[in-house]
Amino acid sequence: MTESKSKEELAQARLDARAVKDFAKADQLRDEIAALGFEVIDIAGGFEFRAKERFPRYASTRDIKAIKVEGDIAITIIVDGFTADALESVRTIKANTKTPIVALVIGDPAELVDEIDLQFQIVAIAENFGWGENTNALLKNLSTKFLVIMDPSTRFLGDAMAPVLAELEKGEFSAVGWRGGLVNTDDEWRSVDDKGAGEVDVIFSYFLAINCADATNAGGFNNRAIYYRNADIEFSLRLRNVNGRLLQMDLPLEQGRHHGYYDTEEEFREVQSKKNYDRILERFRGKSAILSPRR
């Protein structure tokens, strides 16, 4: 990618590529110009530019159109405030992998706009129906085979994508992630114990990589989950309930301040977390046959 070139230089290179019928190169250059916020228009003897929105804006997740990315896997981040935190996360991803990144932003993307390029794109919505609907909208509108749901507090320290993609491509696991655990059956399913790398009952959405077909088969995420906490546990058990297997891995990731937990209004956080867990207990408690082997 030629990020250092001006839009004029990119447009001229595009004309040169079209002249020798290298249309794939021409399309790539057109996309680079679009990432700068311009549409290039062919005119007699040259080209001109038309300013365009650098990212789509929708009223809500229910209005989102198909999101185009290249490849079998994409990283997605739901950004509800704390854009500086998300910006740091995006930059660590870019430093360690070329995997496409999509940020679903509620409200103003602020400084995240400056990171838009061929790897990173933004989809903005005005109305927020909650974590469950947001994750389902990403699952529905991205046509990749695999999808990573990642928290803005998570940082890449190295290439976490290569080992994750390798595991998903084997077809043995429906979800792979960084942190997870086994449901504690001794306390009647009221907690999850981290047992380290290996097969687990639950993967948390700090970094949750899923097989999209398996996720859809399990019913996706629960639209009633307004808040993320425990909603990823419910989704994990939905996968287990349709014979999906989950793998916790040691990955080159770290977590910064988890604003989604520590800086969320306490009463809202606790009420919504309890609602999510109450659904888990109502639907799954006692169904030990869906759990992974104990260790």
Protein backbone atom coordinates (compact mmCIF):
# COMPACT_ATOMS: atom_id res chain seq x y z
CA MET A 1 0.00 0.00 0.00
CA THR A 2 1.31 3.46 -0.94
CA GLU A 3 0.09 5.54 2.00
CA SER A 4 2.71 8.26 1.55
CA LYS A 5 1.51 9.25 -1.95
CA SER A 6 -0.92 12.08 -2.54
CA LYS A 7 -4.34 11.48 -4.05
CA GLU A 8 -3.07 13.07 -7.29
CA GLU A 9 -0.16 10.63 -7.51
CA LEU A 10 -2.47 7.71 -6.78
CA ALA A 11 -4.95 8.86 -9.43
CA GLN A 12 -2.21 9.17 -12.05
CA ALA A 13 -0.90 5.71 -11.16
CA ARG A 14 -4.46 4.42 -11.54
CA LEU A 15 -4.69 5.92 -15.03
CA ASP A 16 -1.36 4.32 -15.93
CA ALA A 17 -2.59 0.94 -14.66
CA ARG A 18 -5.79 1.21 -16.68
CA ALA A 19 -3.78 2.10 -19.79
CA VAL A 20 -1.95 -1.25 -19.60
CA LYS A 21 -5.18 -3.06 -18.62
CA ASP A 22 -3.99 -3.84 -15.10
CA PHE A 23 -7.48 -3.43 -13.72
CA ALA A 24 -6.76 -5.18 -10.42
CA LYS A 25 -4.06 -2.58 -9.67
CA ALA A 26 -6.38 0.21 -10.80
CA ASP A 27 -9.08 -1.00 -8.42
CA GLN A 28 -6.61 -1.15 -5.56
CA LEU A 29 -5.51 2.44 -6.23
CA ARG A 30 -9.15 3.56 -6.41
CA ASP A 31 -9.70 2.03 -2.97
CA GLU A 32 -6.61 3.82 -1.61
CA ILE A 33 -7.98 7.13 -2.88
CA ALA A 34 -11.35 6.32 -1.27
CA ALA A 35 -9.58 5.67 2.04
CA LEU A 36 -8.29 9.25 1.82
CA GLY A 37 -11.88 10.49 1.55
CA PHE A 38 -12.21 11.03 -2.20
CA GLU A 39 -13.86 9.42 -5.19
CA VAL A 40 -11.82 9.64 -8.38
CA ILE A 41 -13.80 10.52 -11.52
CA ASP A 42 -12.46 9.82 -15.02
CA ILE A 43 -12.81 12.77 -17.39
CA ALA A 44 -11.45 13.53 -20.86
CA GLY A 45 -7.71 13.95 -20.57
CA GLY A 46 -7.41 13.04 -16.92
CA PHE A 47 -9.34 12.84 -13.66
CA GLU A 48 -11.00 14.85 -10.95
CA PHE A 49 -11.98 14.23 -7.36
CA ARG A 50 -15.22 14.29 -5.48
CA ALA A 51 -15.24 14.40 -1.70
CA LYS A 52 -17.01 11.44 -0.13
CA GLU A 53 -17.83 10.20 3.34
CA ARG A 54 -14.93 8.17 4.67
CA PHE A 55 -17.29 5.84 6.50
CA PRO A 56 -21.01 5.01 6.40
CA ARG A 57 -23.41 6.31 9.05
CA TYR A 58 -26.62 4.50 9.95
CA ALA A 59 -29.47 5.21 12.33
CA SER A 60 -28.95 1.83 14.04
CA THR A 61 -27.55 -1.67 13.54
CA ARG A 62 -30.83 -2.62 11.89
CA ASP A 63 -30.00 -0.37 8.93
CA ILE A 64 -26.42 -1.55 8.30
CA LYS A 65 -25.65 -2.76 4.78
CA ALA A 66 -23.11 -5.41 3.81
CA ILE A 67 -19.57 -4.61 5.01
CA LYS A 68 -16.93 -5.49 2.43
CA VAL A 69 -13.60 -6.97 3.53
CA GLU A 70 -11.03 -9.21 1.86
CA GLY A 71 -10.04 -12.63 3.13
CA ASP A 72 -11.47 -15.35 5.35
CA ILE A 73 -11.24 -13.53 8.68
CA ALA A 74 -11.80 -10.02 10.04
CA ILE A 75 -11.31 -8.37 13.43
CA THR A 76 -14.25 -6.38 14.78
CA ILE A 77 -14.36 -3.91 17.67
CA ILE A 78 -17.48 -2.35 19.18
CA VAL A 79 -16.64 1.21 20.28
CA ASP A 80 -19.06 2.92 22.66
CA GLY A 81 -17.07 5.89 23.90
CA PHE A 82 -13.40 5.81 24.95
CA THR A 83 -12.25 6.25 21.35
CA ALA A 84 -8.66 6.96 22.43
CA ASP A 85 -8.59 3.50 23.98
CA ALA A 86 -9.87 1.94 20.76
CA LEU A 87 -7.33 3.94 18.76
CA GLU A 88 -4.46 2.44 20.74
CA SER A 89 -5.89 -1.03 20.20
CA VAL A 90 -6.23 -0.52 16.43
CA ARG A 91 -2.65 0.66 16.17
CA THR A 92 -1.33 -2.42 17.97
CA ILE A 93 -3.33 -4.64 15.62
CA LYS A 94 -1.93 -2.89 12.55
CA ALA A 95 1.61 -3.27 13.89
CA ASN A 96 1.26 -7.05 14.12
CA THR A 97 -1.13 -8.29 11.41
CA LYS A 98 -2.63 -7.31 8.05
CA THR A 99 -6.03 -8.75 9.01
CA PRO A 100 -8.92 -6.39 8.09
CA ILE A 101 -10.37 -4.44 11.02
CA VAL A 102 -13.93 -3.10 11.33
CA ALA A 103 -14.94 -0.76 14.15
CA LEU A 104 -18.65 -0.49 14.88
CA VAL A 105 -18.82 2.93 16.53
CA ILE A 106 -21.78 4.26 18.48
CA GLY A 107 -21.85 8.01 17.91
CA ASP A 108 -18.80 10.05 16.94
CA PRO A 109 -15.68 8.12 15.83
CA ALA A 110 -13.51 11.14 16.76
CA GLU A 111 -9.78 10.45 16.28
CA LEU A 112 -10.43 6.93 14.94
CA VAL A 113 -11.22 8.53 11.56
CA ASP A 114 -7.53 9.31 11.06
CA GLU A 115 -6.73 5.57 11.10
CA ILE A 116 -8.99 4.70 8.16
CA ASP A 117 -7.07 2.98 5.39
CA LEU A 118 -7.32 -0.22 3.34
CA GLN A 119 -6.99 -2.32 6.50
CA PHE A 120 -9.24 -0.36 8.86
CA GLN A 121 -12.80 0.83 8.32
CA ILE A 122 -15.51 2.38 10.46
CA VAL A 123 -19.25 1.79 10.52
CA ALA A 124 -21.04 4.38 12.67
CA ILE A 125 -24.51 4.13 14.21
CA ALA A 126 -26.53 6.74 16.10
CA GLU A 127 -28.81 4.51 18.18
CA ASN A 128 -27.46 1.72 20.34
CA PHE A 129 -29.70 -1.32 20.89
CA GLY A 130 -27.03 -3.11 22.91
CA TRP A 131 -24.12 -5.53 22.73
CA GLY A 132 -26.11 -8.52 21.50
CA GLU A 133 -27.63 -6.68 18.55
CA ASN A 134 -24.31 -5.06 17.71
CA THR A 135 -22.45 -8.37 17.55
CA ASN A 136 -25.23 -9.97 15.54
CA ALA A 137 -25.15 -7.09 13.06
CA LEU A 138 -21.44 -7.70 12.50
CA LEU A 139 -22.02 -11.44 12.14
CA LYS A 140 -24.81 -10.81 9.63
CA ASN A 141 -23.16 -8.13 7.50
CA LEU A 142 -19.62 -9.48 7.19
CA SER A 143 -19.31 -12.34 4.72
CA THR A 144 -16.06 -13.74 6.11
CA LYS A 145 -15.76 -17.38 7.13
CA PHE A 146 -14.38 -16.41 10.54
CA LEU A 147 -14.82 -13.37 12.74
CA VAL A 148 -13.03 -11.96 15.78
CA ILE A 149 -15.05 -10.04 18.36
CA MET A 150 -12.53 -8.01 20.32
CA ASP A 151 -12.76 -5.56 23.21
CA PRO A 152 -11.16 -2.11 22.73
CA SER A 153 -9.09 -2.70 25.88
CA THR A 154 -7.20 -5.63 24.32
CA ARG A 155 -3.78 -4.97 22.81
CA PHE A 156 -1.68 -7.03 20.39
CA LEU A 157 1.87 -7.79 21.48
CA GLY A 158 2.56 -9.98 18.45
CA ASP A 159 0.73 -11.82 15.69
CA ALA A 160 -2.24 -13.39 17.46
CA MET A 161 -4.09 -13.99 14.20
CA ALA A 162 -1.93 -16.64 12.54
CA PRO A 163 -2.29 -19.28 15.30
CA VAL A 164 -6.00 -18.52 15.74
CA LEU A 165 -6.74 -18.82 12.03
CA ALA A 166 -4.73 -22.06 11.86
CA GLU A 167 -6.87 -23.58 14.63
CA LEU A 168 -10.17 -22.43 13.13
CA GLU A 169 -9.25 -23.77 9.71
CA LYS A 170 -8.77 -27.27 11.16
CA GLY A 171 -12.54 -27.32 11.75
CA GLU A 172 -12.30 -28.91 15.21
CA PHE A 173 -13.38 -25.82 17.15
CA SER A 174 -16.28 -23.41 16.67
CA ALA A 175 -14.60 -20.70 18.72
CA VAL A 176 -11.06 -19.91 19.76
CA GLY A 177 -9.94 -17.25 22.19
CA TRP A 178 -7.54 -15.86 24.69
CA ARG A 179 -9.35 -16.00 28.03
CA GLY A 180 -12.01 -18.46 29.10
CA GLY A 181 -12.65 -21.31 31.45
CA LEU A 182 -14.83 -24.10 32.76
CA VAL A 183 -18.23 -23.61 34.35
CA ASN A 184 -18.01 -24.31 38.07
CA THR A 185 -20.64 -26.97 38.64
CA ASP A 186 -19.90 -27.13 42.38
CA ASP A 187 -21.43 -23.69 42.92
CA GLU A 188 -24.41 -24.46 40.67
CA TRP A 189 -23.01 -22.78 37.54
CA ARG A 190 -22.59 -19.38 39.18
CA SER A 191 -18.94 -18.87 38.20
CA VAL A 192 -16.33 -19.78 35.60
CA ASP A 193 -12.85 -21.06 36.53
CA ASP A 194 -9.83 -20.24 34.36
CA LYS A 195 -7.93 -23.50 33.84
CA GLY A 196 -5.51 -22.14 31.24
CA ALA A 197 -5.05 -23.23 27.64
CA GLY A 198 -7.15 -26.14 26.43
CA GLU A 199 -10.74 -27.02 25.64
CA VAL A 200 -13.20 -24.91 27.64
CA ASP A 201 -16.89 -24.20 28.15
CA VAL A 202 -16.55 -20.44 27.78
CA ILE A 203 -14.49 -17.94 25.77
CA PHE A 204 -14.66 -14.29 26.82
CA SER A 205 -15.07 -11.47 24.31
CA TYR A 206 -11.79 -9.75 25.17
CA PHE A 207 -10.74 -11.72 22.08
CA LEU A 208 -13.27 -14.21 20.71
CA ALA A 209 -12.72 -15.77 17.27
CA ILE A 210 -15.69 -17.65 15.83
CA ASN A 211 -16.64 -19.83 12.91
CA CYS A 212 -19.50 -17.72 11.49
CA ALA A 213 -21.53 -20.68 10.19
CA ASP A 214 -21.36 -22.40 13.58
CA ALA A 215 -22.28 -19.17 15.36
CA THR A 216 -25.30 -18.68 13.10
CA ASN A 217 -26.33 -22.31 13.62
CA ALA A 218 -26.26 -21.70 17.38
CA GLY A 219 -28.59 -18.72 17.03
CA GLY A 220 -25.94 -16.04 17.27
CA PHE A 221 -25.77 -13.74 20.27
CA ASN A 222 -28.80 -12.98 22.41
CA ASN A 223 -30.42 -9.72 21.30
CA ARG A 224 -31.66 -9.26 24.86
CA ALA A 225 -28.07 -8.79 26.04
CA ILE A 226 -27.84 -5.01 26.37
CA TYR A 227 -24.49 -5.22 28.16
CA TYR A 228 -21.54 -7.42 27.21
CA ARG A 229 -20.77 -8.95 30.62
CA ASN A 230 -21.90 -12.61 30.81
CA ALA A 231 -23.39 -12.32 27.32
CA ASP A 232 -20.25 -13.98 25.93
CA ILE A 233 -20.77 -16.83 28.43
CA GLU A 234 -24.33 -17.28 27.17
CA PHE A 235 -23.12 -17.33 23.56
CA SER A 236 -20.40 -19.86 24.41
CA LEU A 237 -22.95 -22.21 25.98
CA ARG A 238 -25.18 -21.80 22.94
CA LEU A 239 -22.28 -23.09 20.86
CA ARG A 240 -21.67 -25.97 23.27
CA ASN A 241 -25.38 -26.79 23.15
CA VAL A 242 -25.15 -27.52 19.40
CA ASN A 243 -21.95 -29.56 19.83
CA GLY A 244 -19.54 -26.71 19.17
CA ARG A 245 -16.14 -27.00 20.83
CA LEU A 246 -14.21 -24.05 22.26
CA LEU A 247 -10.45 -23.65 22.65
CA GLN A 248 -8.59 -21.29 24.97
CA MET A 249 -5.10 -20.43 23.70
CA ASP A 250 -2.04 -18.61 25.00
CA LEU A 251 -1.81 -15.62 22.64
CA PRO A 252 0.42 -12.51 22.44
CA LEU A 253 -2.24 -10.18 23.84
CA GLU A 254 -2.61 -7.98 26.90
CA GLN A 255 -5.43 -5.98 28.41
CA GLY A 256 -5.37 -2.30 29.25
CA ARG A 257 -7.93 -0.59 31.46
CA HIS A 258 -11.25 -2.25 30.73
CA HIS A 259 -13.39 0.86 30.44
CA GLY A 260 -16.47 -1.18 29.52
CA TYR A 261 -16.41 -2.57 33.07
CA TYR A 262 -14.65 -0.12 35.37
CA ASP A 263 -16.06 3.07 33.84
CA THR A 264 -19.64 1.93 33.33
CA GLU A 265 -22.26 3.13 35.81
CA GLU A 266 -22.24 0.51 38.57
CA GLU A 267 -25.99 -0.02 38.93
CA PHE A 268 -26.46 -0.44 35.17
CA ARG A 269 -23.49 -2.83 35.00
CA GLU A 270 -24.71 -5.04 37.82
CA VAL A 271 -28.37 -5.10 36.78
CA GLN A 272 -27.61 -5.97 33.16
CA SER A 273 -24.93 -8.52 34.11
CA LYS A 274 -27.41 -10.26 36.41
CA LYS A 275 -30.07 -10.35 33.67
CA ASN A 276 -27.60 -12.02 31.33
CA TYR A 277 -26.55 -14.59 33.93
CA ASP A 278 -30.12 -15.31 34.99
CA ARG A 279 -30.84 -16.40 31.41
CA ILE A 280 -27.83 -18.72 31.53
CA LEU A 281 -29.01 -20.33 34.75
CA GLU A 282 -32.57 -20.68 33.48
CA ARG A 283 -31.62 -22.30 30.19
CA PHE A 284 -28.43 -24.23 30.83
CA ARG A 285 -27.88 -24.96 34.54
CA GLY A 286 -27.71 -28.69 35.15
CA LYS A 287 -27.12 -29.61 31.49
CA SER A 288 -23.70 -31.05 32.23
CA ALA A 289 -23.69 -33.06 28.99
CA ILE A 290 -23.00 -29.86 27.00
CA LEU A 291 -19.87 -29.04 29.00
CA SER A 292 -16.33 -29.82 27.90
CA PRO A 293 -14.29 -32.49 29.72
CA ARG A 294 -13.32 -31.40 33.26
CA ARG A 295 -9.63 -30.73 33.95
